Amino acid sequence: MTLDDLMNQAAAACLDEREGHLVIFTQGANGYVCRNAEQIDEKHALFRGTYRDCQIWIERLGIAAALHCILDHTKEVPELAAGRLTPADLLAWMSHSPSHLPR
């Protein structure tokens, strides 16, 4: 697996996690987060706050999913398995936009 493959897999994990949740408005700028499933009423809320806080909560779930994916597959990427990249190098590499679309 290449670093690019790993990043695409991590991005997919992030997207899947984020799309598994919804923010529902209640009053004004307030809302709650629930799973994107049949039961989307407030009594099944996973998080409550302003709309922005709810969005941040969901984004953090996505980031965590992406990082877990990277941690789980580190040994499959030669550059990471061999220790040729430091954590700072990896973060710097991850922070760049992709130069092409995934296949």
C-alpha atoms as a PDB file:
ATOM      1  CA  MET A   1       0.000   0.000   0.000  1.00  0.00           C
ATOM      2  CA  THR A   2       1.275   3.490  -0.792  1.00  0.00           C
ATOM      3  CA  LEU A   3       0.945   6.560   1.402  1.00  0.00           C
ATOM      4  CA  ASP A   4      -1.539   7.919  -1.116  1.00  0.00           C
ATOM      5  CA  ASP A   5      -3.611   4.724  -0.894  1.00  0.00           C
ATOM      6  CA  LEU A   6      -3.576   4.989   2.886  1.00  0.00           C
ATOM      7  CA  MET A   7      -4.699   8.623   2.777  1.00  0.00           C
ATOM      8  CA  ASN A   8      -7.577   7.739   0.452  1.00  0.00           C
ATOM      9  CA  GLN A   9      -8.612   4.910   2.759  1.00  0.00           C
ATOM     10  CA  ALA A  10      -8.402   7.235   5.773  1.00  0.00           C
ATOM     11  CA  ALA A  11     -10.451   9.897   3.977  1.00  0.00           C
ATOM     12  CA  ALA A  12     -13.119   7.299   3.189  1.00  0.00           C
ATOM     13  CA  ALA A  13     -13.218   6.252   6.859  1.00  0.00           C
ATOM     14  CA  CYS A  14     -13.601   9.908   7.845  1.00  0.00           C
ATOM     15  CA  LEU A  15     -16.434  10.455   5.386  1.00  0.00           C
ATOM     16  CA  ASP A  16     -18.256   7.266   6.395  1.00  0.00           C
ATOM     17  CA  GLU A  17     -18.092   8.225  10.066  1.00  0.00           C
ATOM     18  CA  ARG A  18     -19.267  11.784   9.460  1.00  0.00           C
ATOM     19  CA  GLU A  19     -22.147  10.717   7.232  1.00  0.00           C
ATOM     20  CA  GLY A  20     -23.290   8.336   9.955  1.00  0.00           C
ATOM     21  CA  HIS A  21     -24.452  11.325  12.040  1.00  0.00           C
ATOM     22  CA  LEU A  22     -26.960  14.163  11.664  1.00  0.00           C
ATOM     23  CA  VAL A  23     -27.357  17.566  13.284  1.00  0.00           C
ATOM     24  CA  ILE A  24     -30.972  18.467  14.003  1.00  0.00           C
ATOM     25  CA  PHE A  25     -31.891  22.085  14.786  1.00  0.00           C
ATOM     26  CA  THR A  26     -34.004  22.660  17.887  1.00  0.00           C
ATOM     27  CA  GLN A  27     -34.298  26.345  18.734  1.00  0.00           C
ATOM     28  CA  GLY A  28     -32.307  29.233  17.281  1.00  0.00           C
ATOM     29  CA  ALA A  29     -28.736  28.120  16.629  1.00  0.00           C
ATOM     30  CA  ASN A  30     -29.029  25.121  18.942  1.00  0.00           C
ATOM     31  CA  GLY A  31     -29.292  21.517  17.966  1.00  0.00           C
ATOM     32  CA  TYR A  32     -28.340  17.975  18.701  1.00  0.00           C
ATOM     33  CA  VAL A  33     -26.462  15.133  17.029  1.00  0.00           C
ATOM     34  CA  CYS A  34     -27.871  11.693  16.503  1.00  0.00           C
ATOM     35  CA  ARG A  35     -26.967   8.699  14.403  1.00  0.00           C
ATOM     36  CA  ASN A  36     -28.154   8.880  10.822  1.00  0.00           C
ATOM     37  CA  ALA A  37     -30.714   6.145  11.402  1.00  0.00           C
ATOM     38  CA  GLU A  38     -34.412   5.715  11.973  1.00  0.00           C
ATOM     39  CA  GLN A  39     -34.430   7.175  15.487  1.00  0.00           C
ATOM     40  CA  ILE A  40     -33.465  10.806  15.028  1.00  0.00           C
ATOM     41  CA  ASP A  41     -35.409  12.359  17.876  1.00  0.00           C
ATOM     42  CA  GLU A  42     -33.840  14.341  20.686  1.00  0.00           C
ATOM     43  CA  LYS A  43     -34.130  11.588  23.284  1.00  0.00           C
ATOM     44  CA  HIS A  44     -31.560   9.632  21.223  1.00  0.00           C
ATOM     45  CA  ALA A  45     -29.127  12.567  21.050  1.00  0.00           C
ATOM     46  CA  LEU A  46     -25.439  11.774  21.337  1.00  0.00           C
ATOM     47  CA  PHE A  47     -24.440  15.428  21.771  1.00  0.00           C
ATOM     48  CA  ARG A  48     -26.234  18.753  22.293  1.00  0.00           C
ATOM     49  CA  GLY A  49     -24.993  22.277  21.662  1.00  0.00           C
ATOM     50  CA  THR A  50     -24.936  25.062  19.141  1.00  0.00           C
ATOM     51  CA  TYR A  51     -25.105  24.018  15.507  1.00  0.00           C
ATOM     52  CA  ARG A  52     -21.399  24.819  15.175  1.00  0.00           C
ATOM     53  CA  ASP A  53     -20.502  22.766  18.259  1.00  0.00           C
ATOM     54  CA  CYS A  54     -22.512  19.852  16.842  1.00  0.00           C
ATOM     55  CA  GLN A  55     -20.674  20.107  13.522  1.00  0.00           C
ATOM     56  CA  ILE A  56     -17.321  20.201  15.329  1.00  0.00           C
ATOM     57  CA  TRP A  57     -18.327  17.121  17.320  1.00  0.00           C
ATOM     58  CA  ILE A  58     -19.092  15.234  14.097  1.00  0.00           C
ATOM     59  CA  GLU A  59     -15.869  16.444  12.418  1.00  0.00           C
ATOM     60  CA  ARG A  60     -13.850  15.174  15.364  1.00  0.00           C
ATOM     61  CA  LEU A  61     -15.469  11.745  14.959  1.00  0.00           C
ATOM     62  CA  GLY A  62     -14.369  11.784  11.334  1.00  0.00           C
ATOM     63  CA  ILE A  63     -10.826  12.854  12.171  1.00  0.00           C
ATOM     64  CA  ALA A  64     -10.610  10.110  14.813  1.00  0.00           C
ATOM     65  CA  ALA A  65     -11.819   7.513  12.291  1.00  0.00           C
ATOM     66  CA  ALA A  66      -9.183   8.661   9.785  1.00  0.00           C
ATOM     67  CA  LEU A  67      -6.406   8.519  12.370  1.00  0.00           C
ATOM     68  CA  HIS A  68      -7.493   5.062  13.533  1.00  0.00           C
ATOM     69  CA  CYS A  69      -7.375   3.906   9.910  1.00  0.00           C
ATOM     70  CA  ILE A  70      -3.843   5.258   9.548  1.00  0.00           C
ATOM     71  CA  LEU A  71      -2.717   3.634  12.799  1.00  0.00           C
ATOM     72  CA  ASP A  72      -4.310   0.318  11.836  1.00  0.00           C
ATOM     73  CA  HIS A  73      -2.567   0.195   8.436  1.00  0.00           C
ATOM     74  CA  THR A  74       0.822   1.753   9.195  1.00  0.00           C
ATOM     75  CA  LYS A  75       2.658  -1.556   8.767  1.00  0.00           C
ATOM     76  CA  GLU A  76       1.258  -1.929   5.229  1.00  0.00           C
ATOM     77  CA  VAL A  77       3.034   1.213   3.973  1.00  0.00           C
ATOM     78  CA  PRO A  78       6.754   0.614   3.407  1.00  0.00           C
ATOM     79  CA  GLU A  79       7.822   4.182   4.303  1.00  0.00           C
ATOM     80  CA  LEU A  80       5.947   4.001   7.607  1.00  0.00           C
ATOM     81  CA  ALA A  81       6.831   0.403   8.445  1.00  0.00           C
ATOM     82  CA  ALA A  82      10.540   1.091   7.922  1.00  0.00           C
ATOM     83  CA  GLY A  83      10.398   4.173  10.138  1.00  0.00           C
ATOM     84  CA  ARG A  84      11.632   6.476   7.379  1.00  0.00           C
ATOM     85  CA  LEU A  85       9.052   9.113   8.294  1.00  0.00           C
ATOM     86  CA  THR A  86       8.824  10.752  11.695  1.00  0.00           C
ATOM     87  CA  PRO A  87       5.366  11.565  13.079  1.00  0.00           C
ATOM     88  CA  ALA A  88       6.020  15.215  12.164  1.00  0.00           C
ATOM     89  CA  ASP A  89       6.961  14.191   8.608  1.00  0.00           C
ATOM     90  CA  LEU A  90       3.774  12.154   8.302  1.00  0.00           C
ATOM     91  CA  LEU A  91       1.607  15.018   9.566  1.00  0.00           C
ATOM     92  CA  ALA A  92       3.294  17.398   7.137  1.00  0.00           C
ATOM     93  CA  TRP A  93       2.688  14.960   4.283  1.00  0.00           C
ATOM     94  CA  MET A  94      -0.956  14.463   5.318  1.00  0.00           C
ATOM     95  CA  SER A  95      -1.579  18.207   5.421  1.00  0.00           C
ATOM     96  CA  HIS A  96      -1.035  18.639   1.670  1.00  0.00           C
ATOM     97  CA  SER A  97      -3.961  18.481  -0.724  1.00  0.00           C
ATOM     98  CA  PRO A  98      -4.002  15.507  -3.076  1.00  0.00           C
ATOM     99  CA  SER A  99      -2.379  16.139  -6.442  1.00  0.00           C
ATOM    100  CA  HIS A 100      -4.781  13.837  -8.257  1.00  0.00           C
ATOM    101  CA  LEU A 101      -8.123  12.121  -7.818  1.00  0.00           C
ATOM    102  CA  PRO A 102      -8.243   8.588  -6.440  1.00  0.00           C
ATOM    103  CA  ARG A 103      -8.585   5.803  -8.978  1.00  0.00           C
END
